[in-house]
Amino acid sequence: MTETTERIARRSVDKFARRRAELAESTLQALSELGYARTSLREIAQKSNFSHGVLHYYFTDKVELLTYSVRRFEEVCVTRYDEAVAVALSAEELEQGFGAAMAGTLRSDAVMHRLWYDLRNQSLFEEAFRADVLEIDAQRQAMIWRVVERYAELAGASPVVTQPVAYAAFDGLFQQALLHHLAGEESAAETLAEDAGALLGRLVTGG
């Protein structure tokens, strides 16, 4: 293969990848509104103003589209609490900053979080989702653990739970708050902020 041919082939691959990313971002809202079980590629196409043929050209099926789209969202979200960790100068500041960040993403990204939980639940039944869900879950767990470790450092303490336990605790708290938020409870985000900060203090010695 000549250098010119290689450049053409590389541009073609890059163009395909960019188009997949554009389509995924454009259909993400439709996916989050409809949910996995209630939709097909054809319905997603109708909701997102793309033809069924275009979507099917870039994605084999809705499994591939859904996992790709959620991964795009998670690339940004797995660092959502890092700023709170970076700016906190005390354990109390991290409690407040972390709680506020959790409440903020609940308010602004509720439908996307709902899509993530939908995908995770579907992975219990569909093996096609499982590897991607486990990888995303591991990234989320690491994100939470960075908060716990930094909090322990600022508090002059040590974590009293493992990474999986800390993640399960906050994930359960968030999922419960998400349900209440989607049910229209105006206090759900504020309650989450308070509960997240309080829980953080209970996961370390001396907290």
N, C-alpha and C. Protein backbone atom coordinates (compact mmCIF):
# COMPACT_ATOMS: atom_id res chain seq x y z
N MET A 1 0.86 -1.20 0.00
CA MET A 1 0.00 0.00 0.00
C MET A 1 0.89 1.24 0.00
N THR A 2 0.66 2.16 -0.91
CA THR A 2 1.45 3.38 -0.99
C THR A 2 1.06 4.34 0.12
N GLU A 3 1.93 5.35 0.31
CA GLU A 3 1.66 6.34 1.35
C GLU A 3 0.36 7.09 1.07
N THR A 4 0.11 7.42 -0.20
CA THR A 4 -1.13 8.13 -0.58
C THR A 4 -2.35 7.27 -0.28
N THR A 5 -2.27 6.00 -0.63
CA THR A 5 -3.38 5.08 -0.38
C THR A 5 -3.64 4.94 1.11
N GLU A 6 -2.57 4.90 1.90
CA GLU A 6 -2.71 4.79 3.35
C GLU A 6 -3.40 6.02 3.92
N ARG A 7 -3.03 7.21 3.41
CA ARG A 7 -3.66 8.44 3.88
C ARG A 7 -5.14 8.46 3.55
N ILE A 8 -5.49 8.02 2.35
CA ILE A 8 -6.89 7.97 1.94
C ILE A 8 -7.67 7.00 2.83
N ALA A 9 -7.07 5.85 3.09
CA ALA A 9 -7.73 4.85 3.93
C ALA A 9 -7.92 5.36 5.35
N ARG A 10 -6.89 6.08 5.86
CA ARG A 10 -6.97 6.62 7.21
C ARG A 10 -8.04 7.69 7.30
N ARG A 11 -8.13 8.55 6.28
CA ARG A 11 -9.17 9.58 6.27
C ARG A 11 -10.55 8.96 6.23
N SER A 12 -10.68 7.88 5.47
CA SER A 12 -11.97 7.18 5.38
C SER A 12 -12.39 6.62 6.73
N VAL A 13 -11.43 6.03 7.45
CA VAL A 13 -11.70 5.48 8.78
C VAL A 13 -12.08 6.59 9.75
N ASP A 14 -11.31 7.71 9.70
CA ASP A 14 -11.58 8.84 10.59
C ASP A 14 -12.97 9.42 10.32
N LYS A 15 -13.32 9.53 9.04
CA LYS A 15 -14.63 10.07 8.67
C LYS A 15 -15.75 9.18 9.19
N PHE A 16 -15.56 7.87 9.07
CA PHE A 16 -16.56 6.91 9.56
C PHE A 16 -16.72 7.05 11.07
N ALA A 17 -15.59 7.16 11.79
CA ALA A 17 -15.63 7.29 13.25
C ALA A 17 -16.31 8.60 13.67
N ARG A 18 -16.01 9.68 12.96
CA ARG A 18 -16.63 10.97 13.28
C ARG A 18 -18.14 10.92 13.05
N ARG A 19 -18.53 10.26 11.96
CA ARG A 19 -19.96 10.17 11.65
C ARG A 19 -20.69 9.34 12.70
N ARG A 20 -20.06 8.26 13.15
CA ARG A 20 -20.66 7.44 14.21
C ARG A 20 -20.84 8.26 15.48
N ALA A 21 -19.83 9.06 15.80
CA ALA A 21 -19.91 9.90 17.00
C ALA A 21 -21.03 10.92 16.88
N GLU A 22 -21.14 11.54 15.71
CA GLU A 22 -22.20 12.53 15.49
C GLU A 22 -23.58 11.90 15.61
N LEU A 23 -23.75 10.74 15.00
CA LEU A 23 -25.04 10.05 15.06
C LEU A 23 -25.37 9.63 16.48
N ALA A 24 -24.37 9.15 17.20
CA ALA A 24 -24.61 8.72 18.58
C ALA A 24 -25.06 9.88 19.45
N GLU A 25 -24.39 11.02 19.32
CA GLU A 25 -24.76 12.19 20.11
C GLU A 25 -26.16 12.68 19.75
N SER A 26 -26.47 12.60 18.47
CA SER A 26 -27.78 13.08 18.01
C SER A 26 -28.92 12.17 18.44
N THR A 27 -28.63 10.88 18.55
CA THR A 27 -29.69 9.93 18.92
C THR A 27 -29.74 9.66 20.42
N LEU A 28 -28.78 10.18 21.15
CA LEU A 28 -28.70 9.91 22.58
C LEU A 28 -29.96 10.36 23.32
N GLN A 29 -30.45 11.53 22.98
CA GLN A 29 -31.65 12.03 23.63
C GLN A 29 -32.85 11.14 23.35
N ALA A 30 -32.95 10.70 22.10
CA ALA A 30 -34.05 9.80 21.74
C ALA A 30 -33.96 8.51 22.53
N LEU A 31 -32.78 7.96 22.63
CA LEU A 31 -32.58 6.73 23.39
C LEU A 31 -32.94 6.92 24.86
N SER A 32 -32.53 8.06 25.42
CA SER A 32 -32.78 8.30 26.83
C SER A 32 -34.26 8.49 27.12
N GLU A 33 -34.99 9.01 26.16
CA GLU A 33 -36.43 9.22 26.34
C GLU A 33 -37.21 7.92 26.18
N LEU A 34 -36.80 7.10 25.20
CA LEU A 34 -37.56 5.90 24.88
C LEU A 34 -37.19 4.70 25.73
N GLY A 35 -35.92 4.60 26.12
CA GLY A 35 -35.47 3.42 26.85
C GLY A 35 -35.19 2.27 25.90
N TYR A 36 -34.48 1.27 26.39
CA TYR A 36 -34.05 0.17 25.53
C TYR A 36 -35.21 -0.70 25.07
N ALA A 37 -36.03 -1.14 26.01
CA ALA A 37 -37.05 -2.14 25.70
C ALA A 37 -38.13 -1.60 24.78
N ARG A 38 -38.35 -0.30 24.81
CA ARG A 38 -39.49 0.29 24.09
C ARG A 38 -39.15 0.76 22.68
N THR A 39 -37.95 0.52 22.23
CA THR A 39 -37.55 1.16 20.98
C THR A 39 -36.78 0.23 20.05
N SER A 40 -36.75 0.60 18.80
CA SER A 40 -35.98 -0.10 17.78
C SER A 40 -35.17 0.95 17.02
N LEU A 41 -34.27 0.50 16.16
CA LEU A 41 -33.50 1.46 15.36
C LEU A 41 -34.43 2.33 14.52
N ARG A 42 -35.49 1.75 14.00
CA ARG A 42 -36.43 2.51 13.18
C ARG A 42 -37.09 3.62 13.99
N GLU A 43 -37.48 3.31 15.23
CA GLU A 43 -38.12 4.32 16.08
C GLU A 43 -37.13 5.39 16.49
N ILE A 44 -35.90 4.98 16.75
CA ILE A 44 -34.85 5.95 17.07
C ILE A 44 -34.64 6.89 15.89
N ALA A 45 -34.64 6.33 14.69
CA ALA A 45 -34.47 7.14 13.48
C ALA A 45 -35.58 8.18 13.36
N GLN A 46 -36.81 7.77 13.61
CA GLN A 46 -37.94 8.68 13.53
C GLN A 46 -37.83 9.80 14.57
N LYS A 47 -37.34 9.45 15.73
CA LYS A 47 -37.23 10.42 16.82
C LYS A 47 -36.07 11.39 16.61
N SER A 48 -35.04 10.94 15.91
CA SER A 48 -33.82 11.74 15.79
C SER A 48 -33.63 12.39 14.42
N ASN A 49 -34.60 12.22 13.53
CA ASN A 49 -34.56 12.83 12.20
C ASN A 49 -33.48 12.26 11.29
N PHE A 50 -33.00 11.05 11.59
CA PHE A 50 -32.09 10.34 10.69
C PHE A 50 -32.84 9.17 10.09
N SER A 51 -32.49 8.80 8.88
CA SER A 51 -33.16 7.66 8.26
C SER A 51 -32.70 6.37 8.91
N HIS A 52 -33.58 5.39 8.85
CA HIS A 52 -33.25 4.07 9.40
C HIS A 52 -32.04 3.49 8.68
N GLY A 53 -31.96 3.74 7.36
CA GLY A 53 -30.83 3.23 6.58
C GLY A 53 -29.50 3.79 7.02
N VAL A 54 -29.48 5.09 7.34
CA VAL A 54 -28.24 5.73 7.79
C VAL A 54 -27.78 5.12 9.12
N LEU A 55 -28.70 5.01 10.06
CA LEU A 55 -28.34 4.44 11.36
C LEU A 55 -27.85 3.01 11.21
N HIS A 56 -28.52 2.25 10.36
CA HIS A 56 -28.16 0.85 10.20
C HIS A 56 -26.82 0.69 9.48
N TYR A 57 -26.45 1.68 8.69
CA TYR A 57 -25.15 1.62 8.02
C TYR A 57 -24.01 1.78 9.03
N TYR A 58 -24.19 2.67 9.98
CA TYR A 58 -23.13 2.95 10.95
C TYR A 58 -23.20 2.08 12.20
N PHE A 59 -24.36 1.51 12.49
CA PHE A 59 -24.51 0.66 13.67
C PHE A 59 -25.29 -0.59 13.28
N THR A 60 -24.76 -1.74 13.66
CA THR A 60 -25.37 -3.00 13.29
C THR A 60 -26.79 -3.14 13.81
N ASP A 61 -26.97 -2.76 15.08
CA ASP A 61 -28.29 -2.87 15.71
C ASP A 61 -28.36 -1.89 16.87
N LYS A 62 -29.47 -1.90 17.59
CA LYS A 62 -29.64 -0.93 18.67
C LYS A 62 -28.73 -1.25 19.85
N VAL A 63 -28.30 -2.50 19.98
CA VAL A 63 -27.34 -2.85 21.04
C VAL A 63 -26.04 -2.08 20.84
N GLU A 64 -25.54 -2.12 19.61
CA GLU A 64 -24.29 -1.40 19.32
C GLU A 64 -24.47 0.10 19.47
N LEU A 65 -25.59 0.64 19.00
CA LEU A 65 -25.85 2.07 19.11
C LEU A 65 -25.95 2.50 20.57
N LEU A 66 -26.67 1.72 21.35
CA LEU A 66 -26.87 2.08 22.76
C LEU A 66 -25.57 2.04 23.54
N THR A 67 -24.80 0.97 23.40
CA THR A 67 -23.54 0.88 24.14
C THR A 67 -22.56 1.96 23.69
N TYR A 68 -22.50 2.24 22.40
CA TYR A 68 -21.61 3.28 21.90
C TYR A 68 -22.01 4.64 22.44
N SER A 69 -23.31 4.92 22.43
CA SER A 69 -23.81 6.21 22.90
C SER A 69 -23.55 6.42 24.38
N VAL A 70 -23.82 5.40 25.17
CA VAL A 70 -23.59 5.50 26.62
C VAL A 70 -22.11 5.67 26.91
N ARG A 71 -21.27 4.99 26.16
CA ARG A 71 -19.83 5.16 26.34
C ARG A 71 -19.41 6.60 26.08
N ARG A 72 -19.97 7.22 25.05
CA ARG A 72 -19.65 8.62 24.74
C ARG A 72 -20.03 9.51 25.92
N PHE A 73 -21.20 9.27 26.49
CA PHE A 73 -21.66 10.05 27.64
C PHE A 73 -20.75 9.82 28.84
N GLU A 74 -20.37 8.58 29.06
CA GLU A 74 -19.55 8.24 30.22
C GLU A 74 -18.14 8.79 30.14
N GLU A 75 -17.62 8.99 28.93
CA GLU A 75 -16.28 9.55 28.78
C GLU A 75 -16.16 10.89 29.49
N VAL A 76 -17.25 11.63 29.49
CA VAL A 76 -17.28 12.92 30.17
C VAL A 76 -17.65 12.74 31.64
N CYS A 77 -18.61 11.89 31.89
CA CYS A 77 -19.19 11.79 33.23
C CYS A 77 -18.30 11.12 34.26
N VAL A 78 -17.39 10.26 33.84
CA VAL A 78 -16.56 9.57 34.82
C VAL A 78 -15.56 10.50 35.50
N THR A 79 -15.52 11.76 35.08
CA THR A 79 -14.67 12.74 35.75
C THR A 79 -15.50 13.82 36.43
N ARG A 80 -16.81 13.60 36.57
CA ARG A 80 -17.71 14.66 37.03
C ARG A 80 -17.40 15.13 38.45
N TYR A 81 -16.79 14.29 39.28
CA TYR A 81 -16.52 14.69 40.66
C TYR A 81 -15.06 15.09 40.89
N ASP A 82 -14.25 15.00 39.84
CA ASP A 82 -12.83 15.29 40.01
C ASP A 82 -12.57 16.75 40.37
N GLU A 83 -13.39 17.65 39.88
CA GLU A 83 -13.20 19.06 40.21
C GLU A 83 -13.44 19.30 41.70
N ALA A 84 -14.48 18.65 42.25
CA ALA A 84 -14.75 18.78 43.68
C ALA A 84 -13.57 18.27 44.49
N VAL A 85 -12.96 17.21 44.03
CA VAL A 85 -11.79 16.65 44.71
C VAL A 85 -10.62 17.62 44.62
N ALA A 86 -10.43 18.22 43.44
CA ALA A 86 -9.27 19.07 43.20
C ALA A 86 -9.32 20.37 44.00
N VAL A 87 -10.51 20.95 44.17
CA VAL A 87 -10.59 22.28 44.79
C VAL A 87 -10.81 22.23 46.30
N ALA A 88 -11.22 21.10 46.85
CA ALA A 88 -11.51 21.02 48.28
C ALA A 88 -10.23 21.12 49.10
N LEU A 89 -10.26 22.00 50.10
CA LEU A 89 -9.10 22.17 50.98
C LEU A 89 -9.34 21.56 52.35
N SER A 90 -10.54 21.05 52.58
CA SER A 90 -10.86 20.41 53.86
C SER A 90 -11.89 19.32 53.61
N ALA A 91 -12.03 18.44 54.60
CA ALA A 91 -13.02 17.37 54.48
C ALA A 91 -14.43 17.95 54.35
N GLU A 92 -14.69 19.01 55.08
CA GLU A 92 -16.02 19.64 55.03
C GLU A 92 -16.31 20.21 53.65
N GLU A 93 -15.29 20.84 53.05
CA GLU A 93 -15.48 21.40 51.70
C GLU A 93 -15.75 20.29 50.69
N LEU A 94 -15.08 19.15 50.85
CA LEU A 94 -15.29 18.04 49.92
C LEU A 94 -16.69 17.44 50.11
N GLU A 95 -17.14 17.34 51.35
CA GLU A 95 -18.51 16.88 51.60
C GLU A 95 -19.51 17.75 50.85
N GLN A 96 -19.35 19.06 50.98
CA GLN A 96 -20.28 19.99 50.35
C GLN A 96 -20.15 19.97 48.82
N GLY A 97 -18.92 19.97 48.34
CA GLY A 97 -18.69 19.99 46.90
C GLY A 97 -19.15 18.72 46.22
N PHE A 98 -18.89 17.59 46.85
CA PHE A 98 -19.30 16.31 46.28
C PHE A 98 -20.82 16.19 46.28
N GLY A 99 -21.44 16.56 47.39
CA GLY A 99 -22.90 16.53 47.47
C GLY A 99 -23.54 17.42 46.42
N ALA A 100 -22.97 18.62 46.26
CA ALA A 100 -23.49 19.56 45.26
C ALA A 100 -23.33 19.02 43.85
N ALA A 101 -22.21 18.35 43.58
CA ALA A 101 -21.96 17.79 42.26
C ALA A 101 -22.93 16.65 41.95
N MET A 102 -23.20 15.82 42.95
CA MET A 102 -24.17 14.74 42.75
C MET A 102 -25.56 15.31 42.47
N ALA A 103 -25.93 16.32 43.23
CA ALA A 103 -27.24 16.95 43.03
C ALA A 103 -27.31 17.61 41.67
N GLY A 104 -26.22 18.24 41.25
CA GLY A 104 -26.20 18.93 39.96
C GLY A 104 -26.38 17.99 38.79
N THR A 105 -25.69 16.85 38.83
CA THR A 105 -25.84 15.91 37.71
C THR A 105 -27.20 15.23 37.74
N LEU A 106 -27.79 15.09 38.91
CA LEU A 106 -29.15 14.55 38.99
C LEU A 106 -30.12 15.49 38.28
N ARG A 107 -29.97 16.77 38.53
CA ARG A 107 -30.88 17.75 37.92
C ARG A 107 -30.67 17.86 36.40
N SER A 108 -29.42 17.89 35.97
CA SER A 108 -29.14 18.19 34.57
C SER A 108 -29.10 16.97 33.66
N ASP A 109 -28.80 15.81 34.21
CA ASP A 109 -28.59 14.63 33.35
C ASP A 109 -29.46 13.45 33.77
N ALA A 110 -30.62 13.72 34.33
CA ALA A 110 -31.46 12.64 34.86
C ALA A 110 -31.80 11.59 33.81
N VAL A 111 -32.19 12.04 32.61
CA VAL A 111 -32.60 11.07 31.59
C VAL A 111 -31.42 10.23 31.11
N MET A 112 -30.23 10.81 31.13
CA MET A 112 -29.05 10.03 30.73
C MET A 112 -28.70 9.00 31.78
N HIS A 113 -28.83 9.37 33.04
CA HIS A 113 -28.59 8.39 34.10
C HIS A 113 -29.62 7.28 34.04
N ARG A 114 -30.85 7.63 33.71
CA ARG A 114 -31.90 6.62 33.56
C ARG A 114 -31.53 5.63 32.45
N LEU A 115 -30.97 6.15 31.36
CA LEU A 115 -30.54 5.29 30.27
C LEU A 115 -29.43 4.35 30.72
N TRP A 116 -28.50 4.86 31.52
CA TRP A 116 -27.42 4.02 32.04
C TRP A 116 -27.97 2.88 32.90
N TYR A 117 -28.88 3.18 33.79
CA TYR A 117 -29.44 2.13 34.63
C TYR A 117 -30.24 1.13 33.80
N ASP A 118 -30.88 1.62 32.75
CA ASP A 118 -31.60 0.73 31.84
C ASP A 118 -30.63 -0.24 31.18
N LEU A 119 -29.51 0.30 30.69
CA LEU A 119 -28.49 -0.53 30.05
C LEU A 119 -27.93 -1.54 31.04
N ARG A 120 -27.64 -1.10 32.26
CA ARG A 120 -27.07 -2.01 33.25
C ARG A 120 -28.04 -3.14 33.60
N ASN A 121 -29.32 -2.80 33.73
CA ASN A 121 -30.31 -3.83 34.01
C ASN A 121 -30.43 -4.81 32.85
N GLN A 122 -30.40 -4.29 31.62
CA GLN A 122 -30.49 -5.17 30.46
C GLN A 122 -29.31 -6.13 30.38
N SER A 123 -28.16 -5.73 30.90
CA SER A 123 -26.98 -6.59 30.83
C SER A 123 -27.14 -7.85 31.67
N LEU A 124 -28.09 -7.85 32.60
CA LEU A 124 -28.37 -9.05 33.37
C LEU A 124 -29.02 -10.12 32.50
N PHE A 125 -29.64 -9.69 31.40
CA PHE A 125 -30.33 -10.60 30.51
C PHE A 125 -29.65 -10.78 29.16
N GLU A 126 -28.96 -9.73 28.71
CA GLU A 126 -28.33 -9.77 27.39
C GLU A 126 -26.81 -9.71 27.52
N GLU A 127 -26.18 -10.79 27.13
CA GLU A 127 -24.72 -10.88 27.27
C GLU A 127 -24.01 -9.84 26.41
N ALA A 128 -24.66 -9.40 25.33
CA ALA A 128 -24.03 -8.43 24.43
C ALA A 128 -23.66 -7.14 25.14
N PHE A 129 -24.38 -6.79 26.20
CA PHE A 129 -24.12 -5.56 26.95
C PHE A 129 -23.06 -5.75 28.04
N ARG A 130 -22.83 -6.98 28.47
CA ARG A 130 -22.18 -7.22 29.76
C ARG A 130 -20.77 -6.67 29.87
N ALA A 131 -19.93 -6.90 28.86
CA ALA A 131 -18.54 -6.44 28.93
C ALA A 131 -18.47 -4.92 29.02
N ASP A 132 -19.29 -4.22 28.22
CA ASP A 132 -19.28 -2.76 28.24
C ASP A 132 -19.78 -2.23 29.58
N VAL A 133 -20.82 -2.84 30.11
CA VAL A 133 -21.38 -2.40 31.39
C VAL A 133 -20.36 -2.61 32.51
N LEU A 134 -19.69 -3.73 32.51
CA LEU A 134 -18.69 -3.99 33.55
C LEU A 134 -17.54 -2.98 33.48
N GLU A 135 -17.14 -2.62 32.26
CA GLU A 135 -16.05 -1.64 32.11
C GLU A 135 -16.49 -0.26 32.58
N ILE A 136 -17.69 0.15 32.19
CA ILE A 136 -18.20 1.45 32.63
C ILE A 136 -18.39 1.48 34.13
N ASP A 137 -18.91 0.39 34.68
CA ASP A 137 -19.10 0.30 36.12
C ASP A 137 -17.77 0.43 36.86
N ALA A 138 -16.73 -0.19 36.32
CA ALA A 138 -15.40 -0.11 36.93
C ALA A 138 -14.88 1.33 36.91
N GLN A 139 -15.15 2.05 35.83
CA GLN A 139 -14.73 3.46 35.73
C GLN A 139 -15.49 4.31 36.75
N ARG A 140 -16.77 4.06 36.90
CA ARG A 140 -17.57 4.79 37.89
C ARG A 140 -17.10 4.49 39.31
N GLN A 141 -16.76 3.24 39.55
CA GLN A 141 -16.27 2.86 40.87
C GLN A 141 -14.97 3.59 41.19
N ALA A 142 -14.08 3.66 40.22
CA ALA A 142 -12.81 4.35 40.42
C ALA A 142 -13.04 5.84 40.68
N MET A 143 -14.03 6.43 40.01
CA MET A 143 -14.37 7.84 40.20
C MET A 143 -14.79 8.09 41.65
N ILE A 144 -15.66 7.23 42.17
CA ILE A 144 -16.13 7.37 43.55
C ILE A 144 -14.98 7.16 44.53
N TRP A 145 -14.12 6.21 44.22
CA TRP A 145 -13.03 5.92 45.15
C TRP A 145 -12.05 7.07 45.25
N ARG A 146 -11.86 7.83 44.17
CA ARG A 146 -10.99 9.00 44.24
C ARG A 146 -11.54 10.00 45.25
N VAL A 147 -12.86 10.12 45.30
CA VAL A 147 -13.49 11.03 46.26
C VAL A 147 -13.27 10.52 47.68
N VAL A 148 -13.51 9.23 47.90
CA VAL A 148 -13.38 8.66 49.25
C VAL A 148 -11.94 8.76 49.74
N GLU A 149 -10.99 8.44 48.89
CA GLU A 149 -9.58 8.50 49.29
C GLU A 149 -9.15 9.93 49.64
N ARG A 150 -9.58 10.88 48.83
CA ARG A 150 -9.22 12.27 49.10
C ARG A 150 -9.89 12.76 50.38
N TYR A 151 -11.12 12.36 50.59
CA TYR A 151 -11.83 12.75 51.81
C TYR A 151 -11.10 12.20 53.03
N ALA A 152 -10.70 10.94 52.96
CA ALA A 152 -9.98 10.33 54.07
C ALA A 152 -8.67 11.06 54.34
N GLU A 153 -7.98 11.45 53.26
CA GLU A 153 -6.72 12.18 53.40
C GLU A 153 -6.95 13.53 54.08
N LEU A 154 -7.96 14.24 53.65
CA LEU A 154 -8.25 15.55 54.23
C LEU A 154 -8.70 15.44 55.68
N ALA A 155 -9.38 14.34 56.00
CA ALA A 155 -9.87 14.14 57.36
C ALA A 155 -8.83 13.52 58.28
N GLY A 156 -7.68 13.18 57.73
CA GLY A 156 -6.65 12.50 58.52
C GLY A 156 -7.12 11.14 58.98
N ALA A 157 -7.83 10.45 58.09
CA ALA A 157 -8.43 9.17 58.45
C ALA A 157 -8.15 8.14 57.35
N SER A 158 -8.81 7.00 57.45
CA SER A 158 -8.66 5.94 56.47
C SER A 158 -10.02 5.38 56.11
N PRO A 159 -10.21 4.94 54.86
CA PRO A 159 -11.48 4.33 54.49
C PRO A 159 -11.73 3.06 55.31
N VAL A 160 -12.97 2.84 55.67
CA VAL A 160 -13.33 1.64 56.43
C VAL A 160 -14.10 0.65 55.56
N VAL A 161 -14.19 0.94 54.28
CA VAL A 161 -14.87 0.04 53.34
C VAL A 161 -13.97 -0.14 52.11
N THR A 162 -14.29 -1.13 51.31
CA THR A 162 -13.58 -1.37 50.07
C THR A 162 -14.15 -0.52 48.94
N GLN A 163 -13.45 -0.48 47.82
CA GLN A 163 -13.95 0.26 46.65
C GLN A 163 -15.34 -0.19 46.23
N PRO A 164 -15.58 -1.51 46.08
CA PRO A 164 -16.92 -1.93 45.64
C PRO A 164 -18.03 -1.53 46.62
N VAL A 165 -17.74 -1.58 47.92
CA VAL A 165 -18.75 -1.22 48.91
C VAL A 165 -19.05 0.27 48.84
N ALA A 166 -18.01 1.09 48.72
CA ALA A 166 -18.22 2.54 48.62
C ALA A 166 -19.04 2.87 47.38
N TYR A 167 -18.71 2.25 46.26
CA TYR A 167 -19.45 2.51 45.03
C TYR A 167 -20.90 2.07 45.15
N ALA A 168 -21.11 0.88 45.71
CA ALA A 168 -22.48 0.38 45.85
C ALA A 168 -23.32 1.30 46.72
N ALA A 169 -22.70 1.84 47.77
CA ALA A 169 -23.43 2.73 48.68
C ALA A 169 -23.87 4.01 47.96
N PHE A 170 -22.95 4.65 47.26
CA PHE A 170 -23.30 5.90 46.57
C PHE A 170 -24.18 5.65 45.35
N ASP A 171 -23.94 4.56 44.67
CA ASP A 171 -24.75 4.24 43.50
C ASP A 171 -26.20 3.98 43.91
N GLY A 172 -26.38 3.25 45.00
CA GLY A 172 -27.73 3.00 45.49
C GLY A 172 -28.42 4.27 45.93
N LEU A 173 -27.66 5.13 46.58
CA LEU A 173 -28.21 6.42 47.03
C LEU A 173 -28.63 7.26 45.83
N PHE A 174 -27.79 7.27 44.81
CA PHE A 174 -28.10 8.08 43.62
C PHE A 174 -29.30 7.50 42.87
N GLN A 175 -29.34 6.20 42.72
CA GLN A 175 -30.45 5.59 41.97
C GLN A 175 -31.79 5.84 42.67
N GLN A 176 -31.77 5.79 43.99
CA GLN A 176 -32.99 6.07 44.75
C GLN A 176 -33.42 7.52 44.54
N ALA A 177 -32.44 8.44 44.58
CA ALA A 177 -32.75 9.86 44.36
C ALA A 177 -33.26 10.10 42.95
N LEU A 178 -32.69 9.38 41.98
CA LEU A 178 -33.13 9.51 40.60
C LEU A 178 -34.60 9.12 40.45
N LEU A 179 -34.98 8.04 41.09
CA LEU A 179 -36.37 7.61 41.04
C LEU A 179 -37.31 8.68 41.59
N HIS A 180 -36.93 9.24 42.73
CA HIS A 180 -37.77 10.28 43.34
C HIS A 180 -37.78 11.55 42.49
N HIS A 181 -36.64 11.88 41.89
CA HIS A 181 -36.57 13.06 41.03
C HIS A 181 -37.46 12.90 39.81
N LEU A 182 -37.41 11.72 39.17
CA LEU A 182 -38.24 11.46 38.00
C LEU A 182 -39.72 11.41 38.36
N ALA A 183 -40.01 11.11 39.63
CA ALA A 183 -41.40 11.09 40.09
C ALA A 183 -41.91 12.48 40.40
N GLY A 184 -41.03 13.48 40.26
CA GLY A 184 -41.46 14.86 40.44
C GLY A 184 -41.23 15.45 41.81
N GLU A 185 -40.46 14.78 42.65
CA GLU A 185 -40.20 15.30 43.99
C GLU A 185 -39.14 16.39 43.90
N GLU A 186 -39.53 17.62 44.19
CA GLU A 186 -38.63 18.77 44.02
C GLU A 186 -37.45 18.74 44.99
N SER A 187 -37.60 18.06 46.10
CA SER A 187 -36.53 18.04 47.11
C SER A 187 -35.53 16.92 46.89
N ALA A 188 -35.71 16.11 45.84
CA ALA A 188 -34.86 14.93 45.65
C ALA A 188 -33.38 15.29 45.53
N ALA A 189 -33.06 16.33 44.76
CA ALA A 189 -31.66 16.70 44.55
C ALA A 189 -31.04 17.26 45.83
N GLU A 190 -31.78 18.09 46.53
CA GLU A 190 -31.27 18.67 47.78
C GLU A 190 -31.04 17.57 48.83
N THR A 191 -31.97 16.64 48.90
CA THR A 191 -31.82 15.53 49.84
C THR A 191 -30.61 14.68 49.48
N LEU A 192 -30.41 14.45 48.18
CA LEU A 192 -29.24 13.69 47.73
C LEU A 192 -27.95 14.37 48.14
N ALA A 193 -27.87 15.67 47.98
CA ALA A 193 -26.66 16.40 48.35
C ALA A 193 -26.35 16.23 49.84
N GLU A 194 -27.36 16.33 50.67
CA GLU A 194 -27.16 16.18 52.11
C GLU A 194 -26.76 14.76 52.47
N ASP A 195 -27.47 13.79 51.89
CA ASP A 195 -27.20 12.38 52.21
C ASP A 195 -25.83 11.93 51.70
N ALA A 196 -25.43 12.44 50.53
CA ALA A 196 -24.12 12.06 49.97
C ALA A 196 -22.99 12.56 50.86
N GLY A 197 -23.11 13.80 51.31
CA GLY A 197 -22.09 14.34 52.21
C GLY A 197 -22.02 13.58 53.51
N ALA A 198 -23.18 13.26 54.07
CA ALA A 198 -23.23 12.52 55.34
C ALA A 198 -22.66 11.12 55.18
N LEU A 199 -22.98 10.46 54.05
CA LEU A 199 -22.48 9.11 53.81
C LEU A 199 -20.97 9.12 53.67
N LEU A 200 -20.44 10.12 53.01
CA LEU A 200 -19.00 10.21 52.84
C LEU A 200 -18.29 10.21 54.19
N GLY A 201 -18.85 10.93 55.13
CA GLY A 201 -18.26 11.00 56.46
C GLY A 201 -18.29 9.68 57.21
N ARG A 202 -19.21 8.81 56.85
CA ARG A 202 -19.34 7.52 57.54
C ARG A 202 -18.48 6.42 56.95
N LEU A 203 -17.83 6.71 55.83
CA LEU A 203 -17.04 5.68 55.16
C LEU A 203 -15.57 5.71 55.54
N VAL A 204 -15.20 6.61 56.45
CA VAL A 204 -13.81 6.68 56.90
C VAL A 204 -13.76 6.66 58.42
N THR A 205 -12.64 6.26 58.96
CA THR A 205 -12.47 6.26 60.41
C THR A 205 -12.45 7.69 60.90
N GLY A 206 -13.15 7.97 61.98
CA GLY A 206 -13.19 9.31 62.53
C GLY A 206 -14.14 10.22 61.80
N GLY A 207 -14.89 9.69 60.77
CA GLY A 207 -15.83 10.50 60.01
C GLY A 207 -17.15 10.64 60.73
